[in-house]
PDB file of N, CA and C in Angstrom:
ATOM      1  N   MET A   1     111.339 122.647 117.644  1.00  0.00           N
ATOM      2  CA  MET A   1     111.318 121.963 116.369  1.00  0.00           C
ATOM      3  C   MET A   1     112.303 120.814 116.409  1.00  0.00           C
ATOM      4  N   THR A   2     111.906 119.705 115.817  1.00  0.00           N
ATOM      5  CA  THR A   2     112.758 118.519 115.788  1.00  0.00           C
ATOM      6  C   THR A   2     112.873 118.014 114.364  1.00  0.00           C
ATOM      7  N   GLU A   3     114.074 117.644 113.980  1.00  0.00           N
ATOM      8  CA  GLU A   3     114.282 116.991 112.698  1.00  0.00           C
ATOM      9  C   GLU A   3     114.794 115.603 112.967  1.00  0.00           C
ATOM     10  N   VAL A   4     114.190 114.633 112.359  1.00  0.00           N
ATOM     11  CA  VAL A   4     114.641 113.258 112.478  1.00  0.00           C
ATOM     12  C   VAL A   4     115.271 112.881 111.149  1.00  0.00           C
ATOM     13  N   GLN A   5     116.484 112.375 111.216  1.00  0.00           N
ATOM     14  CA  GLN A   5     117.201 111.957 110.012  1.00  0.00           C
ATOM     15  C   GLN A   5     117.578 110.504 110.182  1.00  0.00           C
ATOM     16  N   LEU A   6     117.379 109.714 109.179  1.00  0.00           N
ATOM     17  CA  LEU A   6     117.761 108.321 109.205  1.00  0.00           C
ATOM     18  C   LEU A   6     119.144 108.202 108.607  1.00  0.00           C
ATOM     19  N   ALA A   7     120.121 107.782 109.395  1.00  0.00           N
ATOM     20  CA  ALA A   7     121.488 107.596 108.916  1.00  0.00           C
ATOM     21  C   ALA A   7     121.721 106.111 108.679  1.00  0.00           C
ATOM     22  N   ILE A   8     122.148 105.777 107.472  1.00  0.00           N
ATOM     23  CA  ILE A   8     122.430 104.394 107.120  1.00  0.00           C
ATOM     24  C   ILE A   8     123.926 104.296 106.891  1.00  0.00           C
ATOM     25  N   ALA A   9     124.594 103.539 107.742  1.00  0.00           N
ATOM     26  CA  ALA A   9     126.046 103.415 107.668  1.00  0.00           C
ATOM     27  C   ALA A   9     126.435 102.248 106.760  1.00  0.00           C
ATOM     28  N   ALA A  10     127.443 102.490 105.935  1.00  0.00           N
ATOM     29  CA  ALA A  10     127.972 101.453 105.055  1.00  0.00           C
ATOM     30  C   ALA A  10     129.408 101.822 104.702  1.00  0.00           C
ATOM     31  N   HIS A  11     130.207 100.816 104.367  1.00  0.00           N
ATOM     32  CA  HIS A  11     131.546 101.102 103.863  1.00  0.00           C
ATOM     33  C   HIS A  11     131.377 101.826 102.523  1.00  0.00           C
ATOM     34  N   PRO A  12     132.300 102.734 102.189  1.00  0.00           N
ATOM     35  CA  PRO A  12     132.116 103.603 101.014  1.00  0.00           C
ATOM     36  C   PRO A  12     131.717 102.878  99.728  1.00  0.00           C
ATOM     37  N   GLU A  13     132.280 101.709  99.460  1.00  0.00           N
ATOM     38  CA  GLU A  13     131.951 101.007  98.218  1.00  0.00           C
ATOM     39  C   GLU A  13     130.532 100.431  98.226  1.00  0.00           C
ATOM     40  N   ASN A  14     129.894 100.409  99.401  1.00  0.00           N
ATOM     41  CA  ASN A  14     128.539  99.889  99.515  1.00  0.00           C
ATOM     42  C   ASN A  14     127.484 100.964  99.763  1.00  0.00           C
ATOM     43  N   VAL A  15     127.900 102.226  99.809  1.00  0.00           N
ATOM     44  CA  VAL A  15     126.921 103.304  99.973  1.00  0.00           C
ATOM     45  C   VAL A  15     126.034 103.301  98.740  1.00  0.00           C
ATOM     46  N   ASP A  16     124.737 103.255  98.970  1.00  0.00           N
ATOM     47  CA  ASP A  16     123.814 103.074  97.855  1.00  0.00           C
ATOM     48  C   ASP A  16     122.581 103.954  97.998  1.00  0.00           C
ATOM     49  N   VAL A  17     122.774 105.252  97.888  1.00  0.00           N
ATOM     50  CA  VAL A  17     121.677 106.191  98.072  1.00  0.00           C
ATOM     51  C   VAL A  17     120.611 106.034  96.990  1.00  0.00           C
ATOM     52  N   GLY A  18     120.981 105.600  95.782  1.00  0.00           N
ATOM     53  CA  GLY A  18     119.996 105.392  94.718  1.00  0.00           C
ATOM     54  C   GLY A  18     118.952 104.354  95.095  1.00  0.00           C
ATOM     55  N   PHE A  19     119.378 103.296  95.768  1.00  0.00           N
ATOM     56  CA  PHE A  19     118.454 102.267  96.249  1.00  0.00           C
ATOM     57  C   PHE A  19     117.454 102.868  97.226  1.00  0.00           C
ATOM     58  N   TRP A  20     117.954 103.626  98.193  1.00  0.00           N
ATOM     59  CA  TRP A  20     117.068 104.198  99.219  1.00  0.00           C
ATOM     60  C   TRP A  20     116.128 105.241  98.624  1.00  0.00           C
ATOM     61  N   ARG A  21     116.607 106.019  97.656  1.00  0.00           N
ATOM     62  CA  ARG A  21     115.705 106.962  96.977  1.00  0.00           C
ATOM     63  C   ARG A  21     114.584 106.206  96.272  1.00  0.00           C
ATOM     64  N   ALA A  22     114.928 105.098  95.623  1.00  0.00           N
ATOM     65  CA  ALA A  22     113.932 104.323  94.872  1.00  0.00           C
ATOM     66  C   ALA A  22     112.885 103.705  95.786  1.00  0.00           C
ATOM     67  N   VAL A  23     113.304 103.072  96.892  1.00  0.00           N
ATOM     68  CA  VAL A  23     112.329 102.353  97.715  1.00  0.00           C
ATOM     69  C   VAL A  23     111.446 103.268  98.547  1.00  0.00           C
ATOM     70  N   VAL A  24     111.935 104.450  98.928  1.00  0.00           N
ATOM     71  CA  VAL A  24     111.084 105.347  99.715  1.00  0.00           C
ATOM     72  C   VAL A  24     110.448 106.448  98.870  1.00  0.00           C
ATOM     73  N   GLY A  25     110.776 106.489  97.566  1.00  0.00           N
ATOM     74  CA  GLY A  25     110.171 107.482  96.685  1.00  0.00           C
ATOM     75  C   GLY A  25     110.666 108.893  96.930  1.00  0.00           C
ATOM     76  N   TYR A  26     111.915 109.038  97.370  1.00  0.00           N
ATOM     77  CA  TYR A  26     112.487 110.335  97.692  1.00  0.00           C
ATOM     78  C   TYR A  26     113.310 110.878  96.531  1.00  0.00           C
ATOM     79  N   SER A  27     113.711 112.136  96.653  1.00  0.00           N
ATOM     80  CA  SER A  27     114.494 112.835  95.635  1.00  0.00           C
ATOM     81  C   SER A  27     115.886 113.142  96.165  1.00  0.00           C
ATOM     82  N   GLU A  28     116.780 113.528  95.251  1.00  0.00           N
ATOM     83  CA  GLU A  28     118.141 113.910  95.609  1.00  0.00           C
ATOM     84  C   GLU A  28     118.178 115.363  96.049  1.00  0.00           C
ATOM     85  N   LEU A  29     118.855 115.634  97.157  1.00  0.00           N
ATOM     86  CA  LEU A  29     119.174 116.998  97.558  1.00  0.00           C
ATOM     87  C   LEU A  29     120.684 117.186  97.447  1.00  0.00           C
ATOM     88  N   ALA A  30     121.436 116.173  97.873  1.00  0.00           N
ATOM     89  CA  ALA A  30     122.890 116.138  97.763  1.00  0.00           C
ATOM     90  C   ALA A  30     123.278 114.710  97.394  1.00  0.00           C
ATOM     91  N   ASP A  31     124.551 114.496  97.061  1.00  0.00           N
ATOM     92  CA  ASP A  31     125.002 113.171  96.627  1.00  0.00           C
ATOM     93  C   ASP A  31     124.809 112.086  97.679  1.00  0.00           C
ATOM     94  N   ASP A  32     124.785 112.472  98.948  1.00  0.00           N
ATOM     95  CA  ASP A  32     124.745 111.471 100.013  1.00  0.00           C
ATOM     96  C   ASP A  32     123.407 111.400 100.742  1.00  0.00           C
ATOM     97  N   ASN A  33     122.323 111.914 100.145  1.00  0.00           N
ATOM     98  CA  ASN A  33     121.060 111.856 100.874  1.00  0.00           C
ATOM     99  C   ASN A  33     119.860 111.708  99.952  1.00  0.00           C
ATOM    100  N   ALA A  34     118.719 111.522 100.576  1.00  0.00           N
ATOM    101  CA  ALA A  34     117.438 111.445  99.902  1.00  0.00           C
ATOM    102  C   ALA A  34     116.439 112.223 100.750  1.00  0.00           C
ATOM    103  N   VAL A  35     115.609 113.025 100.100  1.00  0.00           N
ATOM    104  CA  VAL A  35     114.646 113.843 100.832  1.00  0.00           C
ATOM    105  C   VAL A  35     113.235 113.614 100.300  1.00  0.00           C
ATOM    106  N   ASP A  36     112.280 113.740 101.191  1.00  0.00           N
ATOM    107  CA  ASP A  36     110.871 113.605 100.848  1.00  0.00           C
ATOM    108  C   ASP A  36     110.480 114.770  99.952  1.00  0.00           C
ATOM    109  N   PRO A  37     110.007 114.506  98.731  1.00  0.00           N
ATOM    110  CA  PRO A  37     109.649 115.614  97.857  1.00  0.00           C
ATOM    111  C   PRO A  37     108.480 116.446  98.382  1.00  0.00           C
ATOM    112  N   LEU A  38     107.687 115.901  99.292  1.00  0.00           N
ATOM    113  CA  LEU A  38     106.584 116.651  99.894  1.00  0.00           C
ATOM    114  C   LEU A  38     107.019 117.417 101.142  1.00  0.00           C
ATOM    115  N   GLY A  39     108.231 117.129 101.634  1.00  0.00           N
ATOM    116  CA  GLY A  39     108.745 117.823 102.812  1.00  0.00           C
ATOM    117  C   GLY A  39     108.178 117.339 104.129  1.00  0.00           C
ATOM    118  N   HIS A  40     107.540 116.178 104.149  1.00  0.00           N
ATOM    119  CA  HIS A  40     106.934 115.676 105.378  1.00  0.00           C
ATOM    120  C   HIS A  40     107.800 114.656 106.109  1.00  0.00           C
ATOM    121  N   GLY A  41     108.542 113.845 105.374  1.00  0.00           N
ATOM    122  CA  GLY A  41     109.281 112.739 105.977  1.00  0.00           C
ATOM    123  C   GLY A  41     110.707 113.094 106.319  1.00  0.00           C
ATOM    124  N   SER A  42     111.340 112.195 107.024  1.00  0.00           N
ATOM    125  CA  SER A  42     112.726 112.370 107.447  1.00  0.00           C
ATOM    126  C   SER A  42     113.687 112.219 106.278  1.00  0.00           C
ATOM    127  N   THR A  43     114.815 112.901 106.370  1.00  0.00           N
ATOM    128  CA  THR A  43     115.881 112.751 105.391  1.00  0.00           C
ATOM    129  C   THR A  43     116.572 111.413 105.610  1.00  0.00           C
ATOM    130  N   VAL A  44     116.960 110.767 104.515  1.00  0.00           N
ATOM    131  CA  VAL A  44     117.792 109.562 104.581  1.00  0.00           C
ATOM    132  C   VAL A  44     119.194 109.995 104.196  1.00  0.00           C
ATOM    133  N   TRP A  45     120.159 109.748 105.084  1.00  0.00           N
ATOM    134  CA  TRP A  45     121.542 110.170 104.871  1.00  0.00           C
ATOM    135  C   TRP A  45     122.433 108.944 104.867  1.00  0.00           C
ATOM    136  N   MET A  46     123.305 108.828 103.879  1.00  0.00           N
ATOM    137  CA  MET A  46     124.242 107.714 103.788  1.00  0.00           C
ATOM    138  C   MET A  46     125.547 108.121 104.457  1.00  0.00           C
ATOM    139  N   GLN A  47     125.890 107.425 105.521  1.00  0.00           N
ATOM    140  CA  GLN A  47     127.088 107.726 106.297  1.00  0.00           C
ATOM    141  C   GLN A  47     128.195 106.767 105.890  1.00  0.00           C
ATOM    142  N   ASP A  48     129.316 107.315 105.415  1.00  0.00           N
ATOM    143  CA  ASP A  48     130.468 106.468 105.092  1.00  0.00           C
ATOM    144  C   ASP A  48     131.037 105.899 106.377  1.00  0.00           C
ATOM    145  N   LEU A  49     131.156 104.586 106.416  1.00  0.00           N
ATOM    146  CA  LEU A  49     131.704 103.905 107.583  1.00  0.00           C
ATOM    147  C   LEU A  49     133.165 103.585 107.311  1.00  0.00           C
ATOM    148  N   ASP A  50     134.041 103.996 108.216  1.00  0.00           N
ATOM    149  CA  ASP A  50     135.465 103.710 108.105  1.00  0.00           C
ATOM    150  C   ASP A  50     135.669 102.197 108.052  1.00  0.00           C
ATOM    151  N   HIS A  51     136.559 101.741 107.156  1.00  0.00           N
ATOM    152  CA  HIS A  51     136.811 100.299 107.031  1.00  0.00           C
ATOM    153  C   HIS A  51     137.317  99.677 108.323  1.00  0.00           C
ATOM    154  N   ALA A  52     137.929 100.477 109.191  1.00  0.00           N
ATOM    155  CA  ALA A  52     138.414  99.947 110.463  1.00  0.00           C
ATOM    156  C   ALA A  52     137.264  99.614 111.408  1.00  0.00           C
ATOM    157  N   LYS A  53     136.092 100.159 111.142  1.00  0.00           N
ATOM    158  CA  LYS A  53     134.927  99.910 111.999  1.00  0.00           C
ATOM    159  C   LYS A  53     134.031  98.861 111.355  1.00  0.00           C
ATOM    160  N   PRO A  54     133.764  97.788 112.079  1.00  0.00           N
ATOM    161  CA  PRO A  54     132.844  96.785 111.526  1.00  0.00           C
ATOM    162  C   PRO A  54     131.400  97.279 111.638  1.00  0.00           C
ATOM    163  N   LEU A  55     130.566  96.824 110.728  1.00  0.00           N
ATOM    164  CA  LEU A  55     129.149  97.131 110.799  1.00  0.00           C
ATOM    165  C   LEU A  55     128.568  96.193 111.844  1.00  0.00           C
ATOM    166  N   ARG A  56     128.214  96.725 113.006  1.00  0.00           N
ATOM    167  CA  ARG A  56     127.839  95.898 114.153  1.00  0.00           C
ATOM    168  C   ARG A  56     126.343  95.788 114.390  1.00  0.00           C
ATOM    169  N   HIS A  57     125.561  96.499 113.691  1.00  0.00           N
ATOM    170  CA  HIS A  57     124.140  96.487 113.983  1.00  0.00           C
ATOM    171  C   HIS A  57     123.356  96.095 112.739  1.00  0.00           C
ATOM    172  N   ALA A  58     122.180  95.638 112.982  1.00  0.00           N
ATOM    173  CA  ALA A  58     121.280  95.311 111.884  1.00  0.00           C
ATOM    174  C   ALA A  58     120.028  96.167 112.055  1.00  0.00           C
ATOM    175  N   MET A  59     119.452  96.543 110.963  1.00  0.00           N
ATOM    176  CA  MET A  59     118.219  97.333 111.007  1.00  0.00           C
ATOM    177  C   MET A  59     117.466  97.094 109.728  1.00  0.00           C
ATOM    178  N   HIS A  60     116.213  97.415 109.762  1.00  0.00           N
ATOM    179  CA  HIS A  60     115.456  97.483 108.522  1.00  0.00           C
ATOM    180  C   HIS A  60     114.374  98.526 108.679  1.00  0.00           C
ATOM    181  N   ILE A  61     113.866  98.965 107.557  1.00  0.00           N
ATOM    182  CA  ILE A  61     112.842  99.996 107.519  1.00  0.00           C
ATOM    183  C   ILE A  61     111.612  99.402 106.856  1.00  0.00           C
ATOM    184  N   ASP A  62     110.449  99.735 107.368  1.00  0.00           N
ATOM    185  CA  ASP A  62     109.200  99.395 106.705  1.00  0.00           C
ATOM    186  C   ASP A  62     108.709 100.634 105.968  1.00  0.00           C
ATOM    187  N   VAL A  63     108.447 100.496 104.685  1.00  0.00           N
ATOM    188  CA  VAL A  63     107.911 101.588 103.869  1.00  0.00           C
ATOM    189  C   VAL A  63     106.529 101.141 103.410  1.00  0.00           C
ATOM    190  N   SER A  64     105.503 101.847 103.868  1.00  0.00           N
ATOM    191  CA  SER A  64     104.134 101.528 103.477  1.00  0.00           C
ATOM    192  C   SER A  64     103.733 102.369 102.275  1.00  0.00           C
ATOM    193  N   VAL A  65     103.163 101.705 101.281  1.00  0.00           N
ATOM    194  CA  VAL A  65     102.772 102.346 100.033  1.00  0.00           C
ATOM    195  C   VAL A  65     101.332 101.946  99.737  1.00  0.00           C
ATOM    196  N   ALA A  66     100.548 102.857  99.196  1.00  0.00           N
ATOM    197  CA  ALA A  66      99.168 102.540  98.831  1.00  0.00           C
ATOM    198  C   ALA A  66      99.145 101.265  97.991  1.00  0.00           C
ATOM    199  N   ARG A  67      98.229 100.395  98.322  1.00  0.00           N
ATOM    200  CA  ARG A  67      98.157  99.080  97.687  1.00  0.00           C
ATOM    201  C   ARG A  67      98.193  99.162  96.158  1.00  0.00           C
ATOM    202  N   GLU A  68      97.514 100.142  95.589  1.00  0.00           N
ATOM    203  CA  GLU A  68      97.459 100.225  94.127  1.00  0.00           C
ATOM    204  C   GLU A  68      98.780 100.668  93.493  1.00  0.00           C
ATOM    205  N   HIS A  69      99.738 101.130  94.306  1.00  0.00           N
ATOM    206  CA  HIS A  69     101.032 101.580  93.789  1.00  0.00           C
ATOM    207  C   HIS A  69     102.211 100.758  94.311  1.00  0.00           C
ATOM    208  N   VAL A  70     101.940  99.778  95.153  1.00  0.00           N
ATOM    209  CA  VAL A  70     103.014  99.101  95.872  1.00  0.00           C
ATOM    210  C   VAL A  70     103.993  98.360  94.957  1.00  0.00           C
ATOM    211  N   GLU A  71     103.548  97.790  93.874  1.00  0.00           N
ATOM    212  CA  GLU A  71     104.449  96.996  93.032  1.00  0.00           C
ATOM    213  C   GLU A  71     105.496  97.848  92.321  1.00  0.00           C
ATOM    214  N   ALA A  72     105.260  99.145  92.208  1.00  0.00           N
ATOM    215  CA  ALA A  72     106.237 100.024  91.549  1.00  0.00           C
ATOM    216  C   ALA A  72     107.504 100.199  92.380  1.00  0.00           C
ATOM    217  N   ARG A  73     107.411 100.105  93.707  1.00  0.00           N
ATOM    218  CA  ARG A  73     108.596 100.340  94.558  1.00  0.00           C
ATOM    219  C   ARG A  73     109.645  99.244  94.415  1.00  0.00           C
ATOM    220  N   PRO A  74     109.304  97.966  94.556  1.00  0.00           N
ATOM    221  CA  PRO A  74     110.350  96.968  94.340  1.00  0.00           C
ATOM    222  C   PRO A  74     110.887  97.009  92.907  1.00  0.00           C
ATOM    223  N   ALA A  75     110.025  97.325  91.952  1.00  0.00           N
ATOM    224  CA  ALA A  75     110.488  97.437  90.565  1.00  0.00           C
ATOM    225  C   ALA A  75     111.521  98.549  90.431  1.00  0.00           C
ATOM    226  N   ALA A  76     111.284  99.686  91.088  1.00  0.00           N
ATOM    227  CA  ALA A  76     112.242 100.803  91.048  1.00  0.00           C
ATOM    228  C   ALA A  76     113.561 100.410  91.696  1.00  0.00           C
ATOM    229  N   ALA A  77     113.499  99.666  92.784  1.00  0.00           N
ATOM    230  CA  ALA A  77     114.729  99.232  93.462  1.00  0.00           C
ATOM    231  C   ALA A  77     115.525  98.272  92.576  1.00  0.00           C
ATOM    232  N   LEU A  78     114.839  97.374  91.888  1.00  0.00           N
ATOM    233  CA  LEU A  78     115.533  96.462  90.978  1.00  0.00           C
ATOM    234  C   LEU A  78     116.172  97.236  89.833  1.00  0.00           C
ATOM    235  N   THR A  79     115.485  98.241  89.329  1.00  0.00           N
ATOM    236  CA  THR A  79     116.039  99.087  88.279  1.00  0.00           C
ATOM    237  C   THR A  79     117.281  99.816  88.780  1.00  0.00           C
ATOM    238  N   ALA A  80     117.295 100.168  90.078  1.00  0.00           N
ATOM    239  CA  ALA A  80     118.445 100.847  90.675  1.00  0.00           C
ATOM    240  C   ALA A  80     119.598  99.869  90.936  1.00  0.00           C
ATOM    241  N   GLY A  81     119.380  98.584  90.635  1.00  0.00           N
ATOM    242  CA  GLY A  81     120.453  97.602  90.737  1.00  0.00           C
ATOM    243  C   GLY A  81     120.483  96.798  92.014  1.00  0.00           C
ATOM    244  N   GLU A  82     119.439  96.836  92.785  1.00  0.00           N
ATOM    245  CA  GLU A  82     119.445  96.114  94.055  1.00  0.00           C
ATOM    246  C   GLU A  82     118.700  94.798  93.947  1.00  0.00           C
ATOM    247  N   ARG A  83     118.515  94.140  95.094  1.00  0.00           N
ATOM    248  CA  ARG A  83     117.984  92.780  95.032  1.00  0.00           C
ATOM    249  C   ARG A  83     116.806  92.571  95.969  1.00  0.00           C
ATOM    250  N   ILE A  84     115.967  91.642  95.575  1.00  0.00           N
ATOM    251  CA  ILE A  84     114.867  91.212  96.431  1.00  0.00           C
ATOM    252  C   ILE A  84     115.390  90.065  97.290  1.00  0.00           C
ATOM    253  N   VAL A  85     115.221  90.176  98.592  1.00  0.00           N
ATOM    254  CA  VAL A  85     115.640  89.142  99.529  1.00  0.00           C
ATOM    255  C   VAL A  85     114.527  88.116  99.703  1.00  0.00           C
ATOM    256  N   ASP A  86     113.287  88.612  99.787  1.00  0.00           N
ATOM    257  CA  ASP A  86     112.139  87.721  99.990  1.00  0.00           C
ATOM    258  C   ASP A  86     110.902  88.338  99.361  1.00  0.00           C
ATOM    259  N   ASP A  87     110.277  87.577  98.471  1.00  0.00           N
ATOM    260  CA  ASP A  87     109.022  88.036  97.884  1.00  0.00           C
ATOM    261  C   ASP A  87     107.913  87.010  98.090  1.00  0.00           C
ATOM    262  N   SER A  88     108.080  86.149  99.083  1.00  0.00           N
ATOM    263  CA  SER A  88     107.114  85.071  99.315  1.00  0.00           C
ATOM    264  C   SER A  88     105.754  85.583  99.784  1.00  0.00           C
ATOM    265  N   ASN A  89     105.683  86.818 100.262  1.00  0.00           N
ATOM    266  CA  ASN A  89     104.405  87.393 100.696  1.00  0.00           C
ATOM    267  C   ASN A  89     103.912  88.501  99.773  1.00  0.00           C
ATOM    268  N   ALA A  90     104.526  88.630  98.595  1.00  0.00           N
ATOM    269  CA  ALA A  90     104.076  89.634  97.623  1.00  0.00           C
ATOM    270  C   ALA A  90     102.680  89.248  97.135  1.00  0.00           C
ATOM    271  N   PRO A  91     101.807  90.189  96.916  1.00  0.00           N
ATOM    272  CA  PRO A  91     102.025  91.629  96.887  1.00  0.00           C
ATOM    273  C   PRO A  91     101.771  92.334  98.211  1.00  0.00           C
ATOM    274  N   ALA A  92     101.634  91.597  99.325  1.00  0.00           N
ATOM    275  CA  ALA A  92     101.463  92.258 100.627  1.00  0.00           C
ATOM    276  C   ALA A  92     102.750  92.949 101.048  1.00  0.00           C
ATOM    277  N   HIS A  93     103.883  92.276 100.867  1.00  0.00           N
ATOM    278  CA  HIS A  93     105.167  92.920 101.129  1.00  0.00           C
ATOM    279  C   HIS A  93     106.330  92.158 100.512  1.00  0.00           C
ATOM    280  N   TRP A  94     107.400  92.919 100.276  1.00  0.00           N
ATOM    281  CA  TRP A  94     108.662  92.404  99.772  1.00  0.00           C
ATOM    282  C   TRP A  94     109.745  92.852 100.742  1.00  0.00           C
ATOM    283  N   THR A  95     110.790  92.056 100.894  1.00  0.00           N
ATOM    284  CA  THR A  95     111.986  92.479 101.625  1.00  0.00           C
ATOM    285  C   THR A  95     113.091  92.635 100.595  1.00  0.00           C
ATOM    286  N   LEU A  96     113.711  93.829 100.567  1.00  0.00           N
ATOM    287  CA  LEU A  96     114.786  94.136  99.637  1.00  0.00           C
ATOM    288  C   LEU A  96     116.034  94.486 100.425  1.00  0.00           C
ATOM    289  N   ALA A  97     117.187  94.503  99.750  1.00  0.00           N
ATOM    290  CA  ALA A  97     118.440  94.867 100.417  1.00  0.00           C
ATOM    291  C   ALA A  97     119.314  95.676  99.484  1.00  0.00           C
ATOM    292  N   ASP A  98     120.085  96.597 100.095  1.00  0.00           N
ATOM    293  CA  ASP A  98     121.084  97.327  99.322  1.00  0.00           C
ATOM    294  C   ASP A  98     122.382  96.528  99.328  1.00  0.00           C
ATOM    295  N   ARG A  99     123.432  97.037  98.673  1.00  0.00           N
ATOM    296  CA  ARG A  99     124.700  96.296  98.568  1.00  0.00           C
ATOM    297  C   ARG A  99     125.345  96.011  99.906  1.00  0.00           C
ATOM    298  N   ALA A 100     125.091  96.861 100.910  1.00  0.00           N
ATOM    299  CA  ALA A 100     125.680  96.656 102.234  1.00  0.00           C
ATOM    300  C   ALA A 100     124.885  95.658 103.060  1.00  0.00           C
ATOM    301  N   GLY A 101     123.743  95.206 102.542  1.00  0.00           N
ATOM    302  CA  GLY A 101     122.916  94.253 103.270  1.00  0.00           C
ATOM    303  C   GLY A 101     121.837  94.890 104.125  1.00  0.00           C
ATOM    304  N   ASN A 102     121.719  96.222 104.101  1.00  0.00           N
ATOM    305  CA  ASN A 102     120.643  96.888 104.835  1.00  0.00           C
ATOM    306  C   ASN A 102     119.325  96.535 104.172  1.00  0.00           C
ATOM    307  N   ARG A 103     118.339  96.180 104.987  1.00  0.00           N
ATOM    308  CA  ARG A 103     117.068  95.708 104.453  1.00  0.00           C
ATOM    309  C   ARG A 103     115.956  96.728 104.599  1.00  0.00           C
ATOM    310  N   VAL A 104     114.994  96.605 103.699  1.00  0.00           N
ATOM    311  CA  VAL A 104     113.789  97.433 103.747  1.00  0.00           C
ATOM    312  C   VAL A 104     112.628  96.551 103.311  1.00  0.00           C
ATOM    313  N   CYS A 105     111.506  96.681 104.016  1.00  0.00           N
ATOM    314  CA  CYS A 105     110.275  96.002 103.617  1.00  0.00           C
ATOM    315  C   CYS A 105     109.383  97.010 102.922  1.00  0.00           C
ATOM    316  N   ILE A 106     108.911  96.666 101.737  1.00  0.00           N
ATOM    317  CA  ILE A 106     107.934  97.474 101.026  1.00  0.00           C
ATOM    318  C   ILE A 106     106.588  96.801 101.291  1.00  0.00           C
ATOM    319  N   CYS A 107     105.672  97.531 101.930  1.00  0.00           N
ATOM    320  CA  CYS A 107     104.407  96.959 102.396  1.00  0.00           C
ATOM    321  C   CYS A 107     103.220  97.631 101.731  1.00  0.00           C
ATOM    322  N   ALA A 108     102.237  96.829 101.354  1.00  0.00           N
ATOM    323  CA  ALA A 108     100.993  97.374 100.832  1.00  0.00           C
ATOM    324  C   ALA A 108     100.198  97.948 101.995  1.00  0.00           C
ATOM    325  N   TRP A 109      99.631  99.134 101.788  1.00  0.00           N
ATOM    326  CA  TRP A 109      98.888  99.791 102.841  1.00  0.00           C
ATOM    327  C   TRP A 109      97.530 100.191 102.297  1.00  0.00           C
ATOM    328  N   PRO A 110      96.464 100.161 103.052  1.00  0.00           N
ATOM    329  CA  PRO A 110      96.449  99.956 104.497  1.00  0.00           C
ATOM    330  C   PRO A 110      96.353  98.506 104.924  1.00  0.00           C
ATOM    331  N   ASP A 111      95.864  97.621 104.079  1.00  0.00           N
ATOM    332  CA  ASP A 111      95.568  96.273 104.542  1.00  0.00           C
ATOM    333  C   ASP A 111      96.370  95.182 103.877  1.00  0.00           C
ATOM    334  N   GLY A 112      97.384  95.509 103.140  1.00  0.00           N
ATOM    335  CA  GLY A 112      98.130  94.484 102.430  1.00  0.00           C
ATOM    336  C   GLY A 112      97.251  93.846 101.371  1.00  0.00           C
ATOM    337  N   ALA A 113      97.673  92.749 100.878  1.00  0.00           N
ATOM    338  CA  ALA A 113      96.875  92.023  99.888  1.00  0.00           C
ATOM    339  C   ALA A 113      95.875  91.131 100.614  1.00  0.00           C
ATOM    340  N   ILE A 114      94.807  90.822  99.976  1.00  0.00           N
ATOM    341  CA  ILE A 114      93.778  89.976 100.597  1.00  0.00           C
ATOM    342  C   ILE A 114      94.385  88.640 100.975  1.00  0.00           C
ATOM    343  N   GLY A 115      94.140  88.233 102.209  1.00  0.00           N
ATOM    344  CA  GLY A 115      94.639  86.957 102.703  1.00  0.00           C
ATOM    345  C   GLY A 115      96.086  86.977 103.148  1.00  0.00           C
ATOM    346  N   SER A 116      96.725  88.151 103.178  1.00  0.00           N
ATOM    347  CA  SER A 116      98.130  88.249 103.561  1.00  0.00           C
ATOM    348  C   SER A 116      98.270  88.935 104.904  1.00  0.00           C
ATOM    349  N   PRO A 117      99.423  88.753 105.571  1.00  0.00           N
ATOM    350  CA  PRO A 117      99.649  89.439 106.849  1.00  0.00           C
ATOM    351  C   PRO A 117      99.569  90.945 106.671  1.00  0.00           C
ATOM    352  N   ARG A 118      99.151  91.652 107.724  1.00  0.00           N
ATOM    353  CA  ARG A 118      98.983  93.108 107.657  1.00  0.00           C
ATOM    354  C   ARG A 118     100.283  93.862 107.793  1.00  0.00           C
ATOM    355  N   ARG A 119     101.296  93.302 108.425  1.00  0.00           N
ATOM    356  CA  ARG A 119     102.522  94.062 108.591  1.00  0.00           C
ATOM    357  C   ARG A 119     103.690  93.374 107.924  1.00  0.00           C
ATOM    358  N   CYS A 120     104.714  94.141 107.680  1.00  0.00           N
ATOM    359  CA  CYS A 120     105.907  93.598 107.059  1.00  0.00           C
ATOM    360  C   CYS A 120     106.633  92.690 108.038  1.00  0.00           C
ATOM    361  N   ALA A 121     107.267  91.710 107.508  1.00  0.00           N
ATOM    362  CA  ALA A 121     108.095  90.814 108.318  1.00  0.00           C
ATOM    363  C   ALA A 121     109.430  90.680 107.627  1.00  0.00           C
ATOM    364  N   ASP A 122     110.509  90.924 108.342  1.00  0.00           N
ATOM    365  CA  ASP A 122     111.847  90.831 107.774  1.00  0.00           C
ATOM    366  C   ASP A 122     112.325  89.406 107.949  1.00  0.00           C
ATOM    367  N   GLN A 123     111.958  88.554 107.017  1.00  0.00           N
ATOM    368  CA  GLN A 123     112.274  87.137 107.108  1.00  0.00           C
ATOM    369  C   GLN A 123     113.352  86.791 106.097  1.00  0.00           C
ATOM    370  N   PRO A 124     114.391  86.091 106.548  1.00  0.00           N
ATOM    371  CA  PRO A 124     115.431  85.694 105.598  1.00  0.00           C
ATOM    372  C   PRO A 124     114.864  84.717 104.577  1.00  0.00           C
ATOM    373  N   SER A 125     115.390  84.777 103.394  1.00  0.00           N
ATOM    374  CA  SER A 125     114.955  83.899 102.323  1.00  0.00           C
ATOM    375  C   SER A 125     116.020  82.837 102.076  1.00  0.00           C
ATOM    376  N   SER A 126     115.618  81.790 101.430  1.00  0.00           N
ATOM    377  CA  SER A 126     116.575  80.737 101.108  1.00  0.00           C
ATOM    378  C   SER A 126     117.317  81.036  99.821  1.00  0.00           C
ATOM    379  N   ARG A 127     117.068  82.206  99.200  1.00  0.00           N
ATOM    380  CA  ARG A 127     117.724  82.566  97.930  1.00  0.00           C
ATOM    381  C   ARG A 127     119.171  82.865  98.118  1.00  0.00           C
TER     382      ARG A 127
END
């Protein structure tokens, strides 16, 4: 048996589990994590990063959501207090970020919006 857990490192003042719960549609199990309410997906765990350690890596996650429900995810993230980095390809996909700058693409699935790219692209915005 294997368990895969996604650990997102951030300095304590930037740990933002509410954002990650909102964008992936997960529930709270403990203060520092988010779990799939269906029990199928990996746990998202927020790891406190010591201030002496710089955040040296960049990552982003693609979250695919049924096309008819996709607009609710960025809305939930905004309600949780986070920001949209790029919405130039909405409603096919949005790029959002938490306070620490970790990015996530919310993608319409299976085919995105008509006339839009099929996969998420983590593109910086001029905002």
